[in-house]
Amino acid sequence: MSESEANGATANAAFQIRLARSGRLLDVAADKSVVQVLHQAGINVPVACEEGVCGTCETRVLSGTPEHRDQCLTPKEQADRFTPCCSRSLTPMLELDL
């Protein structure tokens, strides 16, 4: 077991995001954040801290299971939202309300 796994952190894995409003499917590489991928695709999501502390980029998740790495969302909020600046996905795809 690696040190990061022992501390509760998991390695980044690639996954996809589906943008519900347009149907676009985007690949999120292991070395990119969801916000970086969205910005590269021309989708403007406001960001401030980029560390999951402020909640500025909070986005609604329609399907899939986020891997929450933020420090701002409550467990209730985490049920259908995530912070794309730092959080990842536990499932192969996340569908976002974008």
Protein backbone atom coordinates (compact mmCIF):
# COMPACT_ATOMS: atom_id res chain seq x y z
CA MET A 1 0.00 0.00 0.00
CA SER A 2 1.35 3.40 -0.94
CA GLU A 3 1.65 6.26 1.53
CA SER A 4 -1.15 8.19 -0.21
CA GLU A 5 -3.48 5.16 -0.03
CA ALA A 6 -2.63 4.71 3.64
CA ASN A 7 -3.60 8.34 4.23
CA GLY A 8 -6.97 7.87 2.48
CA ALA A 9 -6.01 9.49 -0.83
CA THR A 10 -6.44 7.52 -4.02
CA ALA A 11 -4.48 7.81 -7.24
CA ASN A 12 -6.03 9.77 -10.06
CA ALA A 13 -7.69 7.70 -12.75
CA ALA A 14 -9.02 8.87 -16.09
CA PHE A 15 -12.79 9.14 -16.53
CA GLN A 16 -15.36 10.90 -18.69
CA ILE A 17 -17.83 13.66 -18.05
CA ARG A 18 -21.08 14.13 -19.94
CA LEU A 19 -22.49 17.63 -20.18
CA ALA A 20 -26.24 17.12 -19.82
CA ARG A 21 -27.35 20.30 -21.60
CA SER A 22 -25.35 19.67 -24.78
CA GLY A 23 -24.74 15.93 -24.60
CA ARG A 24 -21.00 16.51 -25.06
CA LEU A 25 -18.71 13.81 -23.73
CA LEU A 26 -15.28 14.89 -22.51
CA ASP A 27 -12.31 12.84 -21.35
CA VAL A 28 -10.64 13.77 -18.06
CA ALA A 29 -7.08 12.46 -18.07
CA ALA A 30 -5.43 11.35 -14.84
CA ASP A 31 -3.24 14.47 -14.84
CA LYS A 32 -6.05 17.00 -15.52
CA SER A 33 -8.83 18.40 -13.35
CA VAL A 34 -12.44 18.55 -14.49
CA VAL A 35 -12.22 22.36 -14.47
CA GLN A 36 -9.14 22.28 -16.74
CA VAL A 37 -10.96 20.00 -19.20
CA LEU A 38 -14.08 22.18 -19.13
CA HIS A 39 -12.07 25.35 -19.72
CA GLN A 40 -10.15 23.72 -22.60
CA ALA A 41 -13.53 22.79 -24.14
CA GLY A 42 -14.74 26.40 -23.86
CA ILE A 43 -17.08 25.77 -20.91
CA ASN A 44 -16.79 28.57 -18.38
CA VAL A 45 -17.02 27.38 -14.79
CA PRO A 46 -16.06 30.03 -12.23
CA VAL A 47 -13.14 29.09 -9.98
CA ALA A 48 -11.35 30.86 -7.15
CA CYS A 49 -9.24 28.68 -4.85
CA GLU A 50 -8.89 25.57 -7.08
CA GLU A 51 -8.39 23.54 -3.90
CA GLY A 52 -11.98 22.67 -2.92
CA VAL A 53 -12.11 25.15 -0.06
CA CYS A 54 -14.32 27.97 -1.33
CA GLY A 55 -17.11 26.22 -3.25
CA THR A 56 -17.08 28.73 -6.12
CA CYS A 57 -17.03 25.99 -8.77
CA GLU A 58 -19.70 23.80 -7.12
CA THR A 59 -21.49 21.84 -9.85
CA ARG A 60 -24.56 19.60 -9.76
CA VAL A 61 -23.96 15.92 -10.53
CA LEU A 62 -26.85 14.15 -12.29
CA SER A 63 -25.37 10.65 -12.39
CA GLY A 64 -22.20 8.85 -11.42
CA THR A 65 -20.34 8.89 -8.12
CA PRO A 66 -17.92 11.73 -7.39
CA GLU A 67 -14.78 11.24 -5.36
CA HIS A 68 -15.08 14.25 -3.09
CA ARG A 69 -11.78 15.95 -2.37
CA ASP A 70 -13.26 19.25 -1.26
CA GLN A 71 -13.44 20.70 2.23
CA CYS A 72 -16.53 22.86 1.73
CA LEU A 73 -19.51 20.66 0.88
CA THR A 74 -21.57 19.04 3.62
CA PRO A 75 -22.42 15.33 3.33
CA LYS A 76 -25.95 16.33 2.26
CA GLU A 77 -24.58 18.64 -0.45
CA GLN A 78 -22.16 15.93 -1.61
CA ALA A 79 -25.15 13.73 -2.49
CA ASP A 80 -25.73 15.64 -5.74
CA ARG A 81 -22.87 18.15 -6.11
CA PHE A 82 -19.10 18.23 -6.34
CA THR A 83 -16.22 20.66 -6.82
CA PRO A 84 -14.71 20.08 -10.26
CA CYS A 85 -11.55 22.01 -9.37
CA CYS A 86 -10.21 19.15 -7.25
CA SER A 87 -12.71 16.28 -7.03
CA ARG A 88 -12.62 13.24 -9.31
CA SER A 89 -14.94 10.33 -10.13
CA LEU A 90 -15.29 6.88 -8.62
CA THR A 91 -17.30 5.76 -11.66
CA PRO A 92 -16.22 5.72 -15.33
CA MET A 93 -18.50 8.67 -16.07
CA LEU A 94 -20.05 11.64 -14.30
CA GLU A 95 -22.99 13.44 -15.86
CA LEU A 96 -22.94 17.12 -14.94
CA ASP A 97 -25.69 19.73 -15.03
CA LEU A 98 -23.77 21.86 -17.52
